[in-house]
Amino acid sequence: MAGNYYDSDRGISEYLLFHYGGFEHPLAAAEDDALRFPVRCVSECLDPARLPPDARALDLGCAVGRSSFELARHCTHVLGIDFSARFISVATHLRDNGSFGFNYIEEGELTSPHRAVVPPEIDRKRVAFEQGDAVRLRSGLGLFDAVLMANLIDRVKNPAKCLAQLPGLLKPGGQLVITSPYTWLAEYTPRENWLGGFMRDGQPVKTFDALKTILAPDFELLRKQDLAFVIREHARKFQLGFAQATIWIRK
């Protein structure tokens, strides 16, 4: 059931609002920045000065595509990959048409119409989308100057295997951005595959420490920061989270 959420009408609706905004919220603590999480994953975490003129970017776990379009502000070629066929269908429609109409829930069965819009100044032709498994990426993707993994690692079956692919995807000097609230749940990731959030030999295992251990041979940690995000479920229910963003440079 957990996996089916991302292919459901409700999942599509909630993630379109999450990526493209257009709703009001009563959470003063989050303010407007929390509504722009997919935008801020790029604007606050990626350093355009480190990118070559013909930069390639990979948005792994792209959902309905907003971060992919934001990457296109700085990269001439962007590939967004997600496991959900419906997410990719919607993202492709947005690429081809610039907008996507949908309904979001007010309460119960009551809905309101809305339209997700890609900012018109973005060159949508720079972006392509495809369905794929982040743990078993297809061969032939090539090398990228930037890879974004936004709130992905705690939603795949084997995050360590997913991370192990990264040295073969990034050019030397390339930027890797990983964000996650580290919400480890057995319904998405088998308990034995969690990177953190448990005790081992009487000591707590933290996800950030596991990331450092896995990535250290091939990546240098540039910095880390917290990014707030809000997901609207209905008019009176919102998820407020704080993802930890870590930015790495390929050695």
C-alpha atoms as a PDB file:
ATOM      1  CA  MET A   1       0.000   0.000   0.000  1.00  0.00           C
ATOM      2  CA  ALA A   2       2.871   2.367   0.765  1.00  0.00           C
ATOM      3  CA  GLY A   3       4.200   2.089  -2.781  1.00  0.00           C
ATOM      4  CA  ASN A   4       0.744   2.515  -4.297  1.00  0.00           C
ATOM      5  CA  TYR A   5       0.378   5.936  -2.642  1.00  0.00           C
ATOM      6  CA  TYR A   6       2.800   7.436  -5.163  1.00  0.00           C
ATOM      7  CA  ASP A   7       0.651   6.199  -8.048  1.00  0.00           C
ATOM      8  CA  SER A   8      -2.658   7.302  -6.496  1.00  0.00           C
ATOM      9  CA  ASP A   9      -4.681  10.414  -7.343  1.00  0.00           C
ATOM     10  CA  ARG A  10      -4.101  11.673  -3.806  1.00  0.00           C
ATOM     11  CA  GLY A  11      -0.366  11.116  -4.023  1.00  0.00           C
ATOM     12  CA  ILE A  12      -0.180  12.940  -7.355  1.00  0.00           C
ATOM     13  CA  SER A  13      -2.255  15.837  -5.982  1.00  0.00           C
ATOM     14  CA  GLU A  14      -0.250  16.214  -2.772  1.00  0.00           C
ATOM     15  CA  TYR A  15       3.071  16.127  -4.608  1.00  0.00           C
ATOM     16  CA  LEU A  16       1.956  18.610  -7.274  1.00  0.00           C
ATOM     17  CA  LEU A  17       1.083  21.041  -4.490  1.00  0.00           C
ATOM     18  CA  PHE A  18       4.345  20.143  -2.748  1.00  0.00           C
ATOM     19  CA  HIS A  19       6.386  20.909  -5.861  1.00  0.00           C
ATOM     20  CA  TYR A  20       4.481  23.783  -7.438  1.00  0.00           C
ATOM     21  CA  GLY A  21       2.708  25.450  -4.496  1.00  0.00           C
ATOM     22  CA  GLY A  22      -0.371  27.591  -4.836  1.00  0.00           C
ATOM     23  CA  PHE A  23      -2.038  26.976  -1.473  1.00  0.00           C
ATOM     24  CA  GLU A  24      -2.219  28.843   1.813  1.00  0.00           C
ATOM     25  CA  HIS A  25      -1.197  27.271   5.097  1.00  0.00           C
ATOM     26  CA  PRO A  26      -1.543  28.181   8.787  1.00  0.00           C
ATOM     27  CA  LEU A  27       1.939  27.124   9.837  1.00  0.00           C
ATOM     28  CA  ALA A  28       3.667  30.313  10.907  1.00  0.00           C
ATOM     29  CA  ALA A  29       6.748  28.358  11.961  1.00  0.00           C
ATOM     30  CA  ALA A  30       7.366  27.153   8.427  1.00  0.00           C
ATOM     31  CA  GLU A  31       6.666  30.434   6.608  1.00  0.00           C
ATOM     32  CA  ASP A  32       6.707  30.588   2.821  1.00  0.00           C
ATOM     33  CA  ASP A  33      10.159  29.036   2.365  1.00  0.00           C
ATOM     34  CA  ALA A  34       8.887  25.639   3.473  1.00  0.00           C
ATOM     35  CA  LEU A  35       6.468  25.678   0.524  1.00  0.00           C
ATOM     36  CA  ARG A  36       9.354  25.915  -1.952  1.00  0.00           C
ATOM     37  CA  PHE A  37      11.316  22.856  -0.868  1.00  0.00           C
ATOM     38  CA  PRO A  38      12.013  21.408  -4.361  1.00  0.00           C
ATOM     39  CA  VAL A  39      13.143  24.876  -5.491  1.00  0.00           C
ATOM     40  CA  ARG A  40      15.385  25.382  -2.460  1.00  0.00           C
ATOM     41  CA  CYS A  41      17.021  21.978  -2.922  1.00  0.00           C
ATOM     42  CA  VAL A  42      18.599  23.595  -5.972  1.00  0.00           C
ATOM     43  CA  SER A  43      18.792  27.308  -5.117  1.00  0.00           C
ATOM     44  CA  GLU A  44      20.278  26.794  -1.647  1.00  0.00           C
ATOM     45  CA  CYS A  45      22.313  23.636  -2.164  1.00  0.00           C
ATOM     46  CA  LEU A  46      23.781  23.781  -5.662  1.00  0.00           C
ATOM     47  CA  ASP A  47      26.700  26.074  -6.504  1.00  0.00           C
ATOM     48  CA  PRO A  48      26.283  27.197 -10.144  1.00  0.00           C
ATOM     49  CA  ALA A  49      29.848  28.549 -10.167  1.00  0.00           C
ATOM     50  CA  ARG A  50      31.143  24.965  -9.946  1.00  0.00           C
ATOM     51  CA  LEU A  51      29.200  23.865 -13.046  1.00  0.00           C
ATOM     52  CA  PRO A  52      30.645  23.857 -16.583  1.00  0.00           C
ATOM     53  CA  PRO A  53      28.745  25.672 -19.357  1.00  0.00           C
ATOM     54  CA  ASP A  54      27.307  22.408 -20.734  1.00  0.00           C
ATOM     55  CA  ALA A  55      26.519  20.823 -17.368  1.00  0.00           C
ATOM     56  CA  ARG A  56      24.488  17.603 -17.059  1.00  0.00           C
ATOM     57  CA  ALA A  57      22.359  16.969 -13.980  1.00  0.00           C
ATOM     58  CA  LEU A  58      20.510  13.933 -12.620  1.00  0.00           C
ATOM     59  CA  ASP A  59      17.456  14.342 -10.383  1.00  0.00           C
ATOM     60  CA  LEU A  60      17.114  10.923  -8.777  1.00  0.00           C
ATOM     61  CA  GLY A  61      13.677  10.448  -7.248  1.00  0.00           C
ATOM     62  CA  CYS A  62      12.343  13.457  -9.139  1.00  0.00           C
ATOM     63  CA  ALA A  63       8.619  12.874  -8.312  1.00  0.00           C
ATOM     64  CA  VAL A  64       6.600  15.375 -10.401  1.00  0.00           C
ATOM     65  CA  GLY A  65       9.666  17.244 -11.547  1.00  0.00           C
ATOM     66  CA  ARG A  66       9.965  20.697  -9.988  1.00  0.00           C
ATOM     67  CA  SER A  67      13.596  20.274  -8.925  1.00  0.00           C
ATOM     68  CA  SER A  68      14.433  18.950 -12.397  1.00  0.00           C
ATOM     69  CA  PHE A  69      13.110  22.160 -13.943  1.00  0.00           C
ATOM     70  CA  GLU A  70      15.031  24.238 -11.395  1.00  0.00           C
ATOM     71  CA  LEU A  71      18.216  22.382 -12.315  1.00  0.00           C
ATOM     72  CA  ALA A  72      17.555  23.408 -15.931  1.00  0.00           C
ATOM     73  CA  ARG A  73      18.209  27.024 -14.904  1.00  0.00           C
ATOM     74  CA  HIS A  74      21.878  26.055 -14.573  1.00  0.00           C
ATOM     75  CA  CYS A  75      22.313  22.853 -16.605  1.00  0.00           C
ATOM     76  CA  THR A  76      21.815  22.317 -20.334  1.00  0.00           C
ATOM     77  CA  HIS A  77      20.786  18.668 -19.888  1.00  0.00           C
ATOM     78  CA  VAL A  78      18.705  17.384 -16.965  1.00  0.00           C
ATOM     79  CA  LEU A  79      17.409  13.860 -16.484  1.00  0.00           C
ATOM     80  CA  GLY A  80      14.714  13.172 -13.893  1.00  0.00           C
ATOM     81  CA  ILE A  81      14.168   9.561 -12.819  1.00  0.00           C
ATOM     82  CA  ASP A  82      11.448   8.231 -10.522  1.00  0.00           C
ATOM     83  CA  PHE A  83      10.051   4.799  -9.693  1.00  0.00           C
ATOM     84  CA  SER A  84       6.429   5.975 -10.011  1.00  0.00           C
ATOM     85  CA  ALA A  85       5.038   5.728 -13.551  1.00  0.00           C
ATOM     86  CA  ARG A  86       2.332   8.291 -12.745  1.00  0.00           C
ATOM     87  CA  PHE A  87       4.815  10.796 -11.362  1.00  0.00           C
ATOM     88  CA  ILE A  88       6.835  10.477 -14.561  1.00  0.00           C
ATOM     89  CA  SER A  89       3.686  10.805 -16.690  1.00  0.00           C
ATOM     90  CA  VAL A  90       2.735  14.046 -14.940  1.00  0.00           C
ATOM     91  CA  ALA A  91       6.298  15.415 -15.062  1.00  0.00           C
ATOM     92  CA  THR A  92       6.476  14.663 -18.787  1.00  0.00           C
ATOM     93  CA  HIS A  93       3.134  16.435 -19.347  1.00  0.00           C
ATOM     94  CA  LEU A  94       4.525  19.474 -17.521  1.00  0.00           C
ATOM     95  CA  ARG A  95       7.647  19.362 -19.695  1.00  0.00           C
ATOM     96  CA  ASP A  96       5.597  19.151 -22.889  1.00  0.00           C
ATOM     97  CA  ASN A  97       2.830  21.612 -21.977  1.00  0.00           C
ATOM     98  CA  GLY A  98       4.126  23.848 -19.192  1.00  0.00           C
ATOM     99  CA  SER A  99       1.201  23.212 -16.852  1.00  0.00           C
ATOM    100  CA  PHE A 100      -0.998  20.465 -15.424  1.00  0.00           C
ATOM    101  CA  GLY A 101      -4.541  20.766 -14.061  1.00  0.00           C
ATOM    102  CA  PHE A 102      -5.606  18.736 -11.027  1.00  0.00           C
ATOM    103  CA  ASN A 103      -7.868  18.804  -7.966  1.00  0.00           C
ATOM    104  CA  TYR A 104      -6.716  18.917  -4.359  1.00  0.00           C
ATOM    105  CA  ILE A 105      -8.661  17.860  -1.268  1.00  0.00           C
ATOM    106  CA  GLU A 106     -10.342  20.437   0.942  1.00  0.00           C
ATOM    107  CA  GLU A 107     -12.049  17.974   3.298  1.00  0.00           C
ATOM    108  CA  GLY A 108     -13.482  14.506   2.863  1.00  0.00           C
ATOM    109  CA  GLU A 109     -14.637  14.266  -0.751  1.00  0.00           C
ATOM    110  CA  LEU A 110     -14.641  18.046  -1.369  1.00  0.00           C
ATOM    111  CA  THR A 111     -11.960  19.247  -3.761  1.00  0.00           C
ATOM    112  CA  SER A 112     -10.801  22.453  -5.426  1.00  0.00           C
ATOM    113  CA  PRO A 113      -9.267  22.821  -8.891  1.00  0.00           C
ATOM    114  CA  HIS A 114      -5.714  24.021  -9.314  1.00  0.00           C
ATOM    115  CA  ARG A 115      -3.028  24.177 -11.991  1.00  0.00           C
ATOM    116  CA  ALA A 116       0.667  23.426 -11.537  1.00  0.00           C
ATOM    117  CA  VAL A 117       2.767  25.738 -13.728  1.00  0.00           C
ATOM    118  CA  VAL A 118       6.437  25.531 -14.662  1.00  0.00           C
ATOM    119  CA  PRO A 119       8.001  29.021 -14.449  1.00  0.00           C
ATOM    120  CA  PRO A 120       7.905  30.311 -18.038  1.00  0.00           C
ATOM    121  CA  GLU A 121      11.533  31.495 -18.021  1.00  0.00           C
ATOM    122  CA  ILE A 122      12.788  27.917 -17.634  1.00  0.00           C
ATOM    123  CA  ASP A 123      13.767  26.132 -20.855  1.00  0.00           C
ATOM    124  CA  ARG A 124      11.731  22.937 -20.486  1.00  0.00           C
ATOM    125  CA  LYS A 125      13.423  21.382 -23.512  1.00  0.00           C
ATOM    126  CA  ARG A 126      16.532  20.894 -21.387  1.00  0.00           C
ATOM    127  CA  VAL A 127      14.688  18.331 -19.236  1.00  0.00           C
ATOM    128  CA  ALA A 128      13.840  14.683 -19.876  1.00  0.00           C
ATOM    129  CA  PHE A 129      12.062  12.224 -17.600  1.00  0.00           C
ATOM    130  CA  GLU A 130      12.070   8.450 -17.385  1.00  0.00           C
ATOM    131  CA  GLN A 131      10.849   5.758 -15.044  1.00  0.00           C
ATOM    132  CA  GLY A 132      13.530   3.845 -13.207  1.00  0.00           C
ATOM    133  CA  ASP A 133      14.601   2.195  -9.983  1.00  0.00           C
ATOM    134  CA  ALA A 134      17.079   4.312  -8.000  1.00  0.00           C
ATOM    135  CA  VAL A 135      18.631   1.151  -6.571  1.00  0.00           C
ATOM    136  CA  ARG A 136      19.135  -0.467  -9.994  1.00  0.00           C
ATOM    137  CA  LEU A 137      19.764   2.296 -12.480  1.00  0.00           C
ATOM    138  CA  ARG A 138      20.029   1.368 -16.139  1.00  0.00           C
ATOM    139  CA  SER A 139      23.430   1.307 -17.780  1.00  0.00           C
ATOM    140  CA  GLY A 140      24.403   4.035 -20.197  1.00  0.00           C
ATOM    141  CA  LEU A 141      23.326   7.041 -18.145  1.00  0.00           C
ATOM    142  CA  GLY A 142      26.777   8.561 -18.475  1.00  0.00           C
ATOM    143  CA  LEU A 143      28.472  11.003 -16.119  1.00  0.00           C
ATOM    144  CA  PHE A 144      26.867  14.046 -14.530  1.00  0.00           C
ATOM    145  CA  ASP A 145      28.113  17.334 -13.102  1.00  0.00           C
ATOM    146  CA  ALA A 146      25.388  17.352 -10.442  1.00  0.00           C
ATOM    147  CA  VAL A 147      23.198  14.716  -8.826  1.00  0.00           C
ATOM    148  CA  LEU A 148      20.247  15.557  -6.579  1.00  0.00           C
ATOM    149  CA  MET A 149      18.632  12.966  -4.308  1.00  0.00           C
ATOM    150  CA  ALA A 150      15.831  14.822  -2.511  1.00  0.00           C
ATOM    151  CA  ASN A 151      14.108  12.894   0.302  1.00  0.00           C
ATOM    152  CA  LEU A 152      14.918   9.598  -1.384  1.00  0.00           C
ATOM    153  CA  ILE A 153      17.287   7.486   0.689  1.00  0.00           C
ATOM    154  CA  ASP A 154      14.691   6.632   3.367  1.00  0.00           C
ATOM    155  CA  ARG A 155      12.192   5.565   0.707  1.00  0.00           C
ATOM    156  CA  VAL A 156      14.179   2.926  -1.175  1.00  0.00           C
ATOM    157  CA  LYS A 157      14.616  -0.746  -0.304  1.00  0.00           C
ATOM    158  CA  ASN A 158      18.406  -0.653  -0.206  1.00  0.00           C
ATOM    159  CA  PRO A 159      19.827   2.845   0.346  1.00  0.00           C
ATOM    160  CA  ALA A 160      23.425   1.638   0.679  1.00  0.00           C
ATOM    161  CA  LYS A 161      23.223  -0.001  -2.752  1.00  0.00           C
ATOM    162  CA  CYS A 162      21.683   3.180  -4.152  1.00  0.00           C
ATOM    163  CA  LEU A 163      24.556   5.263  -2.771  1.00  0.00           C
ATOM    164  CA  ALA A 164      27.161   2.801  -4.046  1.00  0.00           C
ATOM    165  CA  GLN A 165      26.249   3.761  -7.636  1.00  0.00           C
ATOM    166  CA  LEU A 166      27.111   7.434  -7.164  1.00  0.00           C
ATOM    167  CA  PRO A 167      30.884   7.343  -7.831  1.00  0.00           C
ATOM    168  CA  GLY A 168      30.086   5.962 -11.288  1.00  0.00           C
ATOM    169  CA  LEU A 169      27.593   8.751 -11.994  1.00  0.00           C
ATOM    170  CA  LEU A 170      29.481  11.904 -11.015  1.00  0.00           C
ATOM    171  CA  LYS A 171      32.443  13.518 -12.716  1.00  0.00           C
ATOM    172  CA  PRO A 172      35.402  14.582 -10.562  1.00  0.00           C
ATOM    173  CA  GLY A 173      34.450  17.904  -9.007  1.00  0.00           C
ATOM    174  CA  GLY A 174      30.754  17.132  -9.505  1.00  0.00           C
ATOM    175  CA  GLN A 175      28.229  18.090  -6.859  1.00  0.00           C
ATOM    176  CA  LEU A 176      26.071  15.631  -4.942  1.00  0.00           C
ATOM    177  CA  VAL A 177      23.079  16.934  -2.972  1.00  0.00           C
ATOM    178  CA  ILE A 178      21.290  14.553  -0.612  1.00  0.00           C
ATOM    179  CA  THR A 179      18.325  15.648   1.486  1.00  0.00           C
ATOM    180  CA  SER A 180      16.317  13.509   3.886  1.00  0.00           C
ATOM    181  CA  PRO A 181      14.341  13.774   7.132  1.00  0.00           C
ATOM    182  CA  TYR A 182      15.645  10.270   7.930  1.00  0.00           C
ATOM    183  CA  THR A 183      12.165   8.836   8.452  1.00  0.00           C
ATOM    184  CA  TRP A 184      13.062   5.154   8.499  1.00  0.00           C
ATOM    185  CA  LEU A 185      10.010   2.907   8.086  1.00  0.00           C
ATOM    186  CA  ALA A 186       9.965  -0.842   7.489  1.00  0.00           C
ATOM    187  CA  GLU A 187       7.170  -0.426   4.915  1.00  0.00           C
ATOM    188  CA  TYR A 188       9.660   1.280   2.574  1.00  0.00           C
ATOM    189  CA  THR A 189      13.065   0.025   3.737  1.00  0.00           C
ATOM    190  CA  PRO A 190      13.609  -3.362   5.409  1.00  0.00           C
ATOM    191  CA  ARG A 191      14.875  -2.825   8.948  1.00  0.00           C
ATOM    192  CA  GLU A 192      18.198  -4.515   8.176  1.00  0.00           C
ATOM    193  CA  ASN A 193      18.863  -1.966   5.400  1.00  0.00           C
ATOM    194  CA  TRP A 194      18.335   1.198   7.468  1.00  0.00           C
ATOM    195  CA  LEU A 195      21.379   3.471   7.437  1.00  0.00           C
ATOM    196  CA  GLY A 196      20.610   4.838  10.889  1.00  0.00           C
ATOM    197  CA  GLY A 197      17.947   5.300  13.506  1.00  0.00           C
ATOM    198  CA  PHE A 198      18.788   2.254  15.643  1.00  0.00           C
ATOM    199  CA  MET A 199      21.121   1.028  18.387  1.00  0.00           C
ATOM    200  CA  ARG A 200      24.214  -1.091  17.723  1.00  0.00           C
ATOM    201  CA  ASP A 201      26.336  -2.447  20.561  1.00  0.00           C
ATOM    202  CA  GLY A 202      24.609  -0.083  22.939  1.00  0.00           C
ATOM    203  CA  GLN A 203      25.356   2.989  20.807  1.00  0.00           C
ATOM    204  CA  PRO A 204      22.974   5.021  18.593  1.00  0.00           C
ATOM    205  CA  VAL A 205      23.634   4.781  14.863  1.00  0.00           C
ATOM    206  CA  LYS A 206      22.932   8.084  13.106  1.00  0.00           C
ATOM    207  CA  THR A 207      22.170   8.319   9.393  1.00  0.00           C
ATOM    208  CA  PHE A 208      24.559  11.208   8.789  1.00  0.00           C
ATOM    209  CA  ASP A 209      27.431   9.204  10.236  1.00  0.00           C
ATOM    210  CA  ALA A 210      26.558   6.287   7.951  1.00  0.00           C
ATOM    211  CA  LEU A 211      26.493   8.634   4.945  1.00  0.00           C
ATOM    212  CA  LYS A 212      29.977   9.878   5.816  1.00  0.00           C
ATOM    213  CA  THR A 213      31.287   6.331   6.083  1.00  0.00           C
ATOM    214  CA  ILE A 214      29.777   5.253   2.761  1.00  0.00           C
ATOM    215  CA  LEU A 215      30.680   8.374   0.780  1.00  0.00           C
ATOM    216  CA  ALA A 216      34.069   9.314   2.302  1.00  0.00           C
ATOM    217  CA  PRO A 217      36.225   7.235  -0.081  1.00  0.00           C
ATOM    218  CA  ASP A 218      34.903   9.097  -3.130  1.00  0.00           C
ATOM    219  CA  PHE A 219      33.339  12.333  -1.862  1.00  0.00           C
ATOM    220  CA  GLU A 220      34.295  15.310   0.270  1.00  0.00           C
ATOM    221  CA  LEU A 221      31.620  16.852   2.475  1.00  0.00           C
ATOM    222  CA  LEU A 222      31.212  20.512   1.565  1.00  0.00           C
ATOM    223  CA  ARG A 223      28.516  21.480   4.066  1.00  0.00           C
ATOM    224  CA  LYS A 224      25.213  20.496   5.636  1.00  0.00           C
ATOM    225  CA  GLN A 225      22.068  22.447   6.509  1.00  0.00           C
ATOM    226  CA  ASP A 226      18.429  21.946   7.427  1.00  0.00           C
ATOM    227  CA  LEU A 227      15.601  22.553   4.938  1.00  0.00           C
ATOM    228  CA  ALA A 228      11.979  22.842   6.121  1.00  0.00           C
ATOM    229  CA  PHE A 229       9.223  21.381   3.978  1.00  0.00           C
ATOM    230  CA  VAL A 230       5.417  21.235   4.113  1.00  0.00           C
ATOM    231  CA  ILE A 231       3.150  18.663   2.472  1.00  0.00           C
ATOM    232  CA  ARG A 232      -0.551  19.567   2.457  1.00  0.00           C
ATOM    233  CA  GLU A 233      -2.966  16.670   2.985  1.00  0.00           C
ATOM    234  CA  HIS A 234      -6.142  18.744   3.234  1.00  0.00           C
ATOM    235  CA  ALA A 235      -7.236  22.209   4.350  1.00  0.00           C
ATOM    236  CA  ARG A 236      -6.595  21.490   8.023  1.00  0.00           C
ATOM    237  CA  LYS A 237      -3.811  18.917   7.944  1.00  0.00           C
ATOM    238  CA  PHE A 238      -0.222  19.525   6.944  1.00  0.00           C
ATOM    239  CA  GLN A 239       3.019  17.591   7.328  1.00  0.00           C
ATOM    240  CA  LEU A 240       5.845  19.829   8.524  1.00  0.00           C
ATOM    241  CA  GLY A 241       9.291  18.289   8.232  1.00  0.00           C
ATOM    242  CA  PHE A 242      12.930  19.302   8.343  1.00  0.00           C
ATOM    243  CA  ALA A 243      15.245  17.505   5.962  1.00  0.00           C
ATOM    244  CA  GLN A 244      18.974  17.495   6.516  1.00  0.00           C
ATOM    245  CA  ALA A 245      20.740  18.538   3.332  1.00  0.00           C
ATOM    246  CA  THR A 246      24.314  17.385   2.814  1.00  0.00           C
ATOM    247  CA  ILE A 247      26.357  18.685  -0.101  1.00  0.00           C
ATOM    248  CA  TRP A 248      29.325  16.661  -1.347  1.00  0.00           C
ATOM    249  CA  ILE A 249      32.022  17.078  -4.003  1.00  0.00           C
ATOM    250  CA  ARG A 250      33.275  14.126  -6.032  1.00  0.00           C
ATOM    251  CA  LYS A 251      37.011  13.674  -5.461  1.00  0.00           C
END
